[in-house]
Amino acid sequence: MSTFDRYWPIPIVVRLQNGSERTFRSIHDTLDFLEHEWPKASGAYHEAAVIGCRSVLGRSGSAATSKELFVSACLEAGLAIRTAANSRPHLLA
């Protein structure tokens, strides 16, 4: 059984606290990061991003909104972000 997932047209690259960068394309991978690898105690945007990603995966939320919430959560946590240069756009499924 396959799991439903959605992809952002342009991925987000996050610089983690150890200096490494991680690219996020799929809502599922982003939710996993938010729930299991988040570097800070949760804040308002973190909680909203988790809810937003879950809504998209439940087929009732907006992928664009979940991306905005994830970006806000990263900024709230002090993580640097950028869009992935030269990335091939993914179609929103």
PDB file of N, CA and C in Angstrom:
ATOM      1  N   MET A   1       0.837  -1.175   0.000  1.00  0.00           N
ATOM      2  CA  MET A   1       0.000   0.000   0.000  1.00  0.00           C
ATOM      3  C   MET A   1       0.888   1.245   0.000  1.00  0.00           C
ATOM      4  N   SER A   2       0.694   2.117  -0.940  1.00  0.00           N
ATOM      5  CA  SER A   2       1.508   3.326  -1.011  1.00  0.00           C
ATOM      6  C   SER A   2       0.899   4.419  -0.132  1.00  0.00           C
ATOM      7  N   THR A   3       1.774   5.287   0.347  1.00  0.00           N
ATOM      8  CA  THR A   3       1.360   6.400   1.185  1.00  0.00           C
ATOM      9  C   THR A   3       1.202   7.635   0.314  1.00  0.00           C
ATOM     10  N   PHE A   4       0.116   8.356   0.514  1.00  0.00           N
ATOM     11  CA  PHE A   4      -0.111   9.597  -0.211  1.00  0.00           C
ATOM     12  C   PHE A   4       0.932  10.618   0.209  1.00  0.00           C
ATOM     13  N   ASP A   5       1.475  11.361  -0.746  1.00  0.00           N
ATOM     14  CA  ASP A   5       2.431  12.429  -0.459  1.00  0.00           C
ATOM     15  C   ASP A   5       2.225  13.538  -1.468  1.00  0.00           C
ATOM     16  N   ARG A   6       2.692  14.710  -1.131  1.00  0.00           N
ATOM     17  CA  ARG A   6       2.664  15.859  -2.037  1.00  0.00           C
ATOM     18  C   ARG A   6       4.058  16.450  -2.046  1.00  0.00           C
ATOM     19  N   TYR A   7       4.366  17.140  -3.125  1.00  0.00           N
ATOM     20  CA  TYR A   7       5.681  17.753  -3.289  1.00  0.00           C
ATOM     21  C   TYR A   7       5.539  19.234  -3.578  1.00  0.00           C
ATOM     22  N   TRP A   8       6.451  20.016  -3.026  1.00  0.00           N
ATOM     23  CA  TRP A   8       6.471  21.440  -3.338  1.00  0.00           C
ATOM     24  C   TRP A   8       7.135  21.628  -4.693  1.00  0.00           C
ATOM     25  N   PRO A   9       6.639  22.565  -5.495  1.00  0.00           N
ATOM     26  CA  PRO A   9       7.243  22.790  -6.811  1.00  0.00           C
ATOM     27  C   PRO A   9       8.723  23.176  -6.722  1.00  0.00           C
ATOM     28  N   ILE A  10       9.076  23.961  -5.714  1.00  0.00           N
ATOM     29  CA  ILE A  10      10.473  24.359  -5.508  1.00  0.00           C
ATOM     30  C   ILE A  10      10.851  23.963  -4.089  1.00  0.00           C
ATOM     31  N   PRO A  11      11.839  23.085  -3.941  1.00  0.00           N
ATOM     32  CA  PRO A  11      12.240  22.618  -2.611  1.00  0.00           C
ATOM     33  C   PRO A  11      12.810  23.734  -1.737  1.00  0.00           C
ATOM     34  N   ILE A  12      12.807  23.483  -0.442  1.00  0.00           N
ATOM     35  CA  ILE A  12      13.383  24.386   0.543  1.00  0.00           C
ATOM     36  C   ILE A  12      14.641  23.722   1.099  1.00  0.00           C
ATOM     37  N   VAL A  13      15.727  24.486   1.189  1.00  0.00           N
ATOM     38  CA  VAL A  13      16.969  24.003   1.777  1.00  0.00           C
ATOM     39  C   VAL A  13      17.111  24.666   3.143  1.00  0.00           C
ATOM     40  N   VAL A  14      17.327  23.852   4.168  1.00  0.00           N
ATOM     41  CA  VAL A  14      17.459  24.337   5.535  1.00  0.00           C
ATOM     42  C   VAL A  14      18.878  24.068   6.010  1.00  0.00           C
ATOM     43  N   ARG A  15      19.509  25.101   6.574  1.00  0.00           N
ATOM     44  CA  ARG A  15      20.833  24.914   7.190  1.00  0.00           C
ATOM     45  C   ARG A  15      20.589  24.533   8.640  1.00  0.00           C
ATOM     46  N   LEU A  16      21.004  23.324   8.990  1.00  0.00           N
ATOM     47  CA  LEU A  16      20.801  22.813  10.336  1.00  0.00           C
ATOM     48  C   LEU A  16      21.821  23.415  11.302  1.00  0.00           C
ATOM     49  N   GLN A  17      21.611  23.207  12.585  1.00  0.00           N
ATOM     50  CA  GLN A  17      22.473  23.809  13.599  1.00  0.00           C
ATOM     51  C   GLN A  17      23.918  23.349  13.500  1.00  0.00           C
ATOM     52  N   ASN A  18      24.159  22.156  12.966  1.00  0.00           N
ATOM     53  CA  ASN A  18      25.530  21.665  12.826  1.00  0.00           C
ATOM     54  C   ASN A  18      26.202  22.162  11.545  1.00  0.00           C
ATOM     55  N   GLY A  19      25.508  23.009  10.779  1.00  0.00           N
ATOM     56  CA  GLY A  19      26.063  23.585   9.554  1.00  0.00           C
ATOM     57  C   GLY A  19      25.730  22.820   8.289  1.00  0.00           C
ATOM     58  N   SER A  20      25.235  21.608   8.423  1.00  0.00           N
ATOM     59  CA  SER A  20      24.874  20.844   7.227  1.00  0.00           C
ATOM     60  C   SER A  20      23.548  21.369   6.671  1.00  0.00           C
ATOM     61  N   GLU A  21      23.315  21.077   5.404  1.00  0.00           N
ATOM     62  CA  GLU A  21      22.073  21.506   4.763  1.00  0.00           C
ATOM     63  C   GLU A  21      21.224  20.296   4.416  1.00  0.00           C
ATOM     64  N   ARG A  22      19.931  20.484   4.511  1.00  0.00           N
ATOM     65  CA  ARG A  22      18.995  19.419   4.170  1.00  0.00           C
ATOM     66  C   ARG A  22      17.916  20.004   3.270  1.00  0.00           C
ATOM     67  N   THR A  23      17.620  19.291   2.203  1.00  0.00           N
ATOM     68  CA  THR A  23      16.624  19.737   1.238  1.00  0.00           C
ATOM     69  C   THR A  23      15.299  19.032   1.500  1.00  0.00           C
ATOM     70  N   PHE A  24      14.224  19.826   1.513  1.00  0.00           N
ATOM     71  CA  PHE A  24      12.887  19.296   1.739  1.00  0.00           C
ATOM     72  C   PHE A  24      12.055  19.508   0.485  1.00  0.00           C
ATOM     73  N   ARG A  25      11.551  18.398  -0.054  1.00  0.00           N
ATOM     74  CA  ARG A  25      10.707  18.421  -1.246  1.00  0.00           C
ATOM     75  C   ARG A  25       9.302  17.921  -0.935  1.00  0.00           C
ATOM     76  N   SER A  26       9.234  16.874  -0.124  1.00  0.00           N
ATOM     77  CA  SER A  26       7.940  16.240   0.109  1.00  0.00           C
ATOM     78  C   SER A  26       7.362  16.647   1.460  1.00  0.00           C
ATOM     79  N   ILE A  27       6.054  16.698   1.502  1.00  0.00           N
ATOM     80  CA  ILE A  27       5.350  17.030   2.740  1.00  0.00           C
ATOM     81  C   ILE A  27       5.613  15.941   3.786  1.00  0.00           C
ATOM     82  N   HIS A  28       5.632  14.698   3.362  1.00  0.00           N
ATOM     83  CA  HIS A  28       5.860  13.592   4.298  1.00  0.00           C
ATOM     84  C   HIS A  28       7.227  13.718   4.972  1.00  0.00           C
ATOM     85  N   ASP A  29       8.275  13.966   4.200  1.00  0.00           N
ATOM     86  CA  ASP A  29       9.618  14.122   4.775  1.00  0.00           C
ATOM     87  C   ASP A  29       9.690  15.331   5.704  1.00  0.00           C
ATOM     88  N   THR A  30       9.011  16.396   5.321  1.00  0.00           N
ATOM     89  CA  THR A  30       8.994  17.595   6.146  1.00  0.00           C
ATOM     90  C   THR A  30       8.298  17.318   7.474  1.00  0.00           C
ATOM     91  N   LEU A  31       7.166  16.641   7.437  1.00  0.00           N
ATOM     92  CA  LEU A  31       6.451  16.300   8.665  1.00  0.00           C
ATOM     93  C   LEU A  31       7.308  15.410   9.562  1.00  0.00           C
ATOM     94  N   ASP A  32       7.993  14.449   8.979  1.00  0.00           N
ATOM     95  CA  ASP A  32       8.869  13.575   9.761  1.00  0.00           C
ATOM     96  C   ASP A  32       9.950  14.394  10.465  1.00  0.00           C
ATOM     97  N   PHE A  33      10.538  15.345   9.764  1.00  0.00           N
ATOM     98  CA  PHE A  33      11.552  16.223  10.348  1.00  0.00           C
ATOM     99  C   PHE A  33      10.953  17.046  11.490  1.00  0.00           C
ATOM    100  N   LEU A  34       9.796  17.633  11.251  1.00  0.00           N
ATOM    101  CA  LEU A  34       9.142  18.456  12.273  1.00  0.00           C
ATOM    102  C   LEU A  34       8.799  17.648  13.522  1.00  0.00           C
ATOM    103  N   GLU A  35       8.390  16.420  13.348  1.00  0.00           N
ATOM    104  CA  GLU A  35       7.963  15.604  14.480  1.00  0.00           C
ATOM    105  C   GLU A  35       9.095  14.879  15.195  1.00  0.00           C
ATOM    106  N   HIS A  36      10.166  14.545  14.479  1.00  0.00           N
ATOM    107  CA  HIS A  36      11.191  13.684  15.079  1.00  0.00           C
ATOM    108  C   HIS A  36      12.590  14.273  15.152  1.00  0.00           C
ATOM    109  N   GLU A  37      12.863  15.323  14.388  1.00  0.00           N
ATOM    110  CA  GLU A  37      14.228  15.852  14.352  1.00  0.00           C
ATOM    111  C   GLU A  37      14.310  17.353  14.635  1.00  0.00           C
ATOM    112  N   TRP A  38      13.215  17.952  14.999  1.00  0.00           N
ATOM    113  CA  TRP A  38      13.166  19.400  15.190  1.00  0.00           C
ATOM    114  C   TRP A  38      14.146  19.806  16.284  1.00  0.00           C
ATOM    115  N   PRO A  39      15.000  20.812  16.023  1.00  0.00           N
ATOM    116  CA  PRO A  39      16.088  21.143  16.950  1.00  0.00           C
ATOM    117  C   PRO A  39      15.688  21.973  18.175  1.00  0.00           C
ATOM    118  N   LYS A  40      14.524  22.558  18.187  1.00  0.00           N
ATOM    119  CA  LYS A  40      14.119  23.448  19.281  1.00  0.00           C
ATOM    120  C   LYS A  40      12.827  22.950  19.912  1.00  0.00           C
ATOM    121  N   ALA A  41      12.568  23.453  21.121  1.00  0.00           N
ATOM    122  CA  ALA A  41      11.255  23.214  21.710  1.00  0.00           C
ATOM    123  C   ALA A  41      10.228  23.811  20.754  1.00  0.00           C
ATOM    124  N   SER A  42       9.096  23.196  20.649  1.00  0.00           N
ATOM    125  CA  SER A  42       8.138  23.651  19.649  1.00  0.00           C
ATOM    126  C   SER A  42       7.625  25.049  19.971  1.00  0.00           C
ATOM    127  N   GLY A  43       7.397  25.802  18.927  1.00  0.00           N
ATOM    128  CA  GLY A  43       6.828  27.134  19.026  1.00  0.00           C
ATOM    129  C   GLY A  43       5.513  27.166  18.271  1.00  0.00           C
ATOM    130  N   ALA A  44       4.922  28.333  18.203  1.00  0.00           N
ATOM    131  CA  ALA A  44       3.620  28.470  17.548  1.00  0.00           C
ATOM    132  C   ALA A  44       3.672  28.073  16.077  1.00  0.00           C
ATOM    133  N   TYR A  45       4.719  28.514  15.361  1.00  0.00           N
ATOM    134  CA  TYR A  45       4.799  28.171  13.937  1.00  0.00           C
ATOM    135  C   TYR A  45       5.138  26.695  13.741  1.00  0.00           C
ATOM    136  N   HIS A  46       5.935  26.138  14.622  1.00  0.00           N
ATOM    137  CA  HIS A  46       6.248  24.708  14.533  1.00  0.00           C
ATOM    138  C   HIS A  46       4.960  23.901  14.638  1.00  0.00           C
ATOM    139  N   GLU A  47       4.163  24.201  15.639  1.00  0.00           N
ATOM    140  CA  GLU A  47       2.908  23.482  15.825  1.00  0.00           C
ATOM    141  C   GLU A  47       1.983  23.669  14.623  1.00  0.00           C
ATOM    142  N   ALA A  48       1.926  24.897  14.107  1.00  0.00           N
ATOM    143  CA  ALA A  48       1.084  25.162  12.933  1.00  0.00           C
ATOM    144  C   ALA A  48       1.598  24.408  11.707  1.00  0.00           C
ATOM    145  N   ALA A  49       2.922  24.312  11.560  1.00  0.00           N
ATOM    146  CA  ALA A  49       3.497  23.589  10.423  1.00  0.00           C
ATOM    147  C   ALA A  49       3.175  22.104  10.496  1.00  0.00           C
ATOM    148  N   VAL A  50       3.229  21.528  11.687  1.00  0.00           N
ATOM    149  CA  VAL A  50       2.871  20.121  11.860  1.00  0.00           C
ATOM    150  C   VAL A  50       1.415  19.901  11.456  1.00  0.00           C
ATOM    151  N   ILE A  51       0.542  20.761  11.958  1.00  0.00           N
ATOM    152  CA  ILE A  51      -0.885  20.647  11.616  1.00  0.00           C
ATOM    153  C   ILE A  51      -1.092  20.836  10.117  1.00  0.00           C
ATOM    154  N   GLY A  52      -0.392  21.806   9.527  1.00  0.00           N
ATOM    155  CA  GLY A  52      -0.516  22.058   8.090  1.00  0.00           C
ATOM    156  C   GLY A  52      -0.076  20.879   7.252  1.00  0.00           C
ATOM    157  N   CYS A  53       1.047  20.274   7.611  1.00  0.00           N
ATOM    158  CA  CYS A  53       1.525  19.102   6.862  1.00  0.00           C
ATOM    159  C   CYS A  53       0.565  17.928   7.010  1.00  0.00           C
ATOM    160  N   ARG A  54       0.073  17.712   8.226  1.00  0.00           N
ATOM    161  CA  ARG A  54      -0.892  16.624   8.431  1.00  0.00           C
ATOM    162  C   ARG A  54      -2.162  16.843   7.606  1.00  0.00           C
ATOM    163  N   SER A  55      -2.589  18.099   7.518  1.00  0.00           N
ATOM    164  CA  SER A  55      -3.791  18.406   6.726  1.00  0.00           C
ATOM    165  C   SER A  55      -3.584  18.084   5.257  1.00  0.00           C
ATOM    166  N   VAL A  56      -2.407  18.438   4.730  1.00  0.00           N
ATOM    167  CA  VAL A  56      -2.118  18.134   3.325  1.00  0.00           C
ATOM    168  C   VAL A  56      -2.116  16.626   3.099  1.00  0.00           C
ATOM    169  N   LEU A  57      -1.460  15.895   3.984  1.00  0.00           N
ATOM    170  CA  LEU A  57      -1.402  14.445   3.832  1.00  0.00           C
ATOM    171  C   LEU A  57      -2.765  13.799   4.032  1.00  0.00           C
ATOM    172  N   GLY A  58      -3.628  14.476   4.767  1.00  0.00           N
ATOM    173  CA  GLY A  58      -5.008  14.009   4.924  1.00  0.00           C
ATOM    174  C   GLY A  58      -5.902  14.476   3.799  1.00  0.00           C
ATOM    175  N   ARG A  59      -5.298  15.124   2.809  1.00  0.00           N
ATOM    176  CA  ARG A  59      -5.963  15.585   1.591  1.00  0.00           C
ATOM    177  C   ARG A  59      -6.975  16.706   1.818  1.00  0.00           C
ATOM    178  N   SER A  60      -6.753  17.478   2.892  1.00  0.00           N
ATOM    179  CA  SER A  60      -7.668  18.595   3.125  1.00  0.00           C
ATOM    180  C   SER A  60      -6.956  19.940   3.223  1.00  0.00           C
ATOM    181  N   GLY A  61      -5.633  19.944   3.173  1.00  0.00           N
ATOM    182  CA  GLY A  61      -4.885  21.182   3.334  1.00  0.00           C
ATOM    183  C   GLY A  61      -4.189  21.610   2.067  1.00  0.00           C
ATOM    184  N   SER A  62      -3.641  22.796   2.111  1.00  0.00           N
ATOM    185  CA  SER A  62      -2.932  23.384   0.979  1.00  0.00           C
ATOM    186  C   SER A  62      -1.430  23.165   1.111  1.00  0.00           C
ATOM    187  N   ALA A  63      -0.816  22.641   0.044  1.00  0.00           N
ATOM    188  CA  ALA A  63       0.631  22.452   0.048  1.00  0.00           C
ATOM    189  C   ALA A  63       1.355  23.789   0.166  1.00  0.00           C
ATOM    190  N   ALA A  64       0.847  24.816  -0.484  1.00  0.00           N
ATOM    191  CA  ALA A  64       1.468  26.143  -0.415  1.00  0.00           C
ATOM    192  C   ALA A  64       1.434  26.685   1.006  1.00  0.00           C
ATOM    193  N   THR A  65       0.317  26.502   1.689  1.00  0.00           N
ATOM    194  CA  THR A  65       0.208  26.965   3.075  1.00  0.00           C
ATOM    195  C   THR A  65       1.152  26.188   3.978  1.00  0.00           C
ATOM    196  N   SER A  66       1.254  24.889   3.773  1.00  0.00           N
ATOM    197  CA  SER A  66       2.155  24.085   4.606  1.00  0.00           C
ATOM    198  C   SER A  66       3.598  24.524   4.412  1.00  0.00           C
ATOM    199  N   LYS A  67       3.946  24.909   3.193  1.00  0.00           N
ATOM    200  CA  LYS A  67       5.311  25.385   2.923  1.00  0.00           C
ATOM    201  C   LYS A  67       5.563  26.699   3.645  1.00  0.00           C
ATOM    202  N   GLU A  68       4.612  27.622   3.586  1.00  0.00           N
ATOM    203  CA  GLU A  68       4.755  28.903   4.284  1.00  0.00           C
ATOM    204  C   GLU A  68       4.912  28.686   5.786  1.00  0.00           C
ATOM    205  N   LEU A  69       4.133  27.770   6.344  1.00  0.00           N
ATOM    206  CA  LEU A  69       4.222  27.487   7.773  1.00  0.00           C
ATOM    207  C   LEU A  69       5.564  26.848   8.132  1.00  0.00           C
ATOM    208  N   PHE A  70       6.067  25.972   7.272  1.00  0.00           N
ATOM    209  CA  PHE A  70       7.368  25.350   7.512  1.00  0.00           C
ATOM    210  C   PHE A  70       8.476  26.405   7.480  1.00  0.00           C
ATOM    211  N   VAL A  71       8.427  27.294   6.512  1.00  0.00           N
ATOM    212  CA  VAL A  71       9.415  28.376   6.425  1.00  0.00           C
ATOM    213  C   VAL A  71       9.347  29.229   7.694  1.00  0.00           C
ATOM    214  N   SER A  72       8.150  29.568   8.130  1.00  0.00           N
ATOM    215  CA  SER A  72       7.987  30.369   9.352  1.00  0.00           C
ATOM    216  C   SER A  72       8.524  29.629  10.572  1.00  0.00           C
ATOM    217  N   ALA A  73       8.291  28.330  10.641  1.00  0.00           N
ATOM    218  CA  ALA A  73       8.807  27.540  11.762  1.00  0.00           C
ATOM    219  C   ALA A  73      10.332  27.521  11.767  1.00  0.00           C
ATOM    220  N   CYS A  74      10.930  27.400  10.586  1.00  0.00           N
ATOM    221  CA  CYS A  74      12.389  27.425  10.492  1.00  0.00           C
ATOM    222  C   CYS A  74      12.937  28.760  10.979  1.00  0.00           C
ATOM    223  N   LEU A  75      12.329  29.843  10.536  1.00  0.00           N
ATOM    224  CA  LEU A  75      12.775  31.165  10.964  1.00  0.00           C
ATOM    225  C   LEU A  75      12.578  31.335  12.472  1.00  0.00           C
ATOM    226  N   GLU A  76      11.464  30.855  12.988  1.00  0.00           N
ATOM    227  CA  GLU A  76      11.183  30.928  14.420  1.00  0.00           C
ATOM    228  C   GLU A  76      12.268  30.191  15.226  1.00  0.00           C
ATOM    229  N   ALA A  77      12.772  29.082  14.665  1.00  0.00           N
ATOM    230  CA  ALA A  77      13.790  28.270  15.340  1.00  0.00           C
ATOM    231  C   ALA A  77      15.206  28.767  15.068  1.00  0.00           C
ATOM    232  N   GLY A  78      15.342  29.812  14.252  1.00  0.00           N
ATOM    233  CA  GLY A  78      16.661  30.351  13.950  1.00  0.00           C
ATOM    234  C   GLY A  78      17.433  29.571  12.900  1.00  0.00           C
ATOM    235  N   LEU A  79      16.733  28.803  12.083  1.00  0.00           N
ATOM    236  CA  LEU A  79      17.371  28.029  11.018  1.00  0.00           C
ATOM    237  C   LEU A  79      17.356  28.827   9.725  1.00  0.00           C
ATOM    238  N   ALA A  80      18.500  28.898   9.059  1.00  0.00           N
ATOM    239  CA  ALA A  80      18.585  29.600   7.776  1.00  0.00           C
ATOM    240  C   ALA A  80      17.938  28.747   6.695  1.00  0.00           C
ATOM    241  N   ILE A  81      17.248  29.415   5.768  1.00  0.00           N
ATOM    242  CA  ILE A  81      16.578  28.703   4.684  1.00  0.00           C
ATOM    243  C   ILE A  81      16.851  29.386   3.359  1.00  0.00           C
ATOM    244  N   ARG A  82      16.693  28.624   2.295  1.00  0.00           N
ATOM    245  CA  ARG A  82      16.754  29.158   0.932  1.00  0.00           C
ATOM    246  C   ARG A  82      16.015  28.184   0.037  1.00  0.00           C
ATOM    247  N   THR A  83      15.702  28.637  -1.167  1.00  0.00           N
ATOM    248  CA  THR A  83      15.113  27.720  -2.135  1.00  0.00           C
ATOM    249  C   THR A  83      16.256  26.988  -2.832  1.00  0.00           C
ATOM    250  N   ALA A  84      15.977  25.802  -3.299  1.00  0.00           N
ATOM    251  CA  ALA A  84      16.991  24.999  -3.968  1.00  0.00           C
ATOM    252  C   ALA A  84      17.244  25.557  -5.366  1.00  0.00           C
ATOM    253  N   ALA A  85      18.478  25.952  -5.634  1.00  0.00           N
ATOM    254  CA  ALA A  85      18.854  26.490  -6.937  1.00  0.00           C
ATOM    255  C   ALA A  85      18.854  25.363  -7.976  1.00  0.00           C
ATOM    256  N   ASN A  86      18.400  25.714  -9.163  1.00  0.00           N
ATOM    257  CA  ASN A  86      18.407  24.773 -10.279  1.00  0.00           C
ATOM    258  C   ASN A  86      17.650  23.489  -9.987  1.00  0.00           C
ATOM    259  N   SER A  87      16.664  23.577  -9.129  1.00  0.00           N
ATOM    260  CA  SER A  87      15.891  22.367  -8.843  1.00  0.00           C
ATOM    261  C   SER A  87      14.834  22.183  -9.912  1.00  0.00           C
ATOM    262  N   ARG A  88      14.555  20.958 -10.205  1.00  0.00           N
ATOM    263  CA  ARG A  88      13.503  20.659 -11.168  1.00  0.00           C
ATOM    264  C   ARG A  88      12.181  20.693 -10.417  1.00  0.00           C
ATOM    265  N   PRO A  89      11.231  21.463 -10.890  1.00  0.00           N
ATOM    266  CA  PRO A  89       9.954  21.548 -10.185  1.00  0.00           C
ATOM    267  C   PRO A  89       9.241  20.211 -10.143  1.00  0.00           C
ATOM    268  N   HIS A  90       8.604  19.961  -9.029  1.00  0.00           N
ATOM    269  CA  HIS A  90       7.753  18.780  -8.877  1.00  0.00           C
ATOM    270  C   HIS A  90       6.313  19.226  -9.046  1.00  0.00           C
ATOM    271  N   LEU A  91       5.536  18.419  -9.699  1.00  0.00           N
ATOM    272  CA  LEU A  91       4.115  18.721  -9.820  1.00  0.00           C
ATOM    273  C   LEU A  91       3.424  18.377  -8.518  1.00  0.00           C
ATOM    274  N   LEU A  92       2.508  19.223  -8.110  1.00  0.00           N
ATOM    275  CA  LEU A  92       1.712  18.912  -6.930  1.00  0.00           C
ATOM    276  C   LEU A  92       0.727  17.832  -7.303  1.00  0.00           C
ATOM    277  N   ALA A  93       0.801  16.732  -6.616  1.00  0.00           N
ATOM    278  CA  ALA A  93      -0.070  15.598  -6.940  1.00  0.00           C
ATOM    279  C   ALA A  93      -1.416  15.733  -6.264  1.00  0.00           C
TER     280      ALA A  93
END
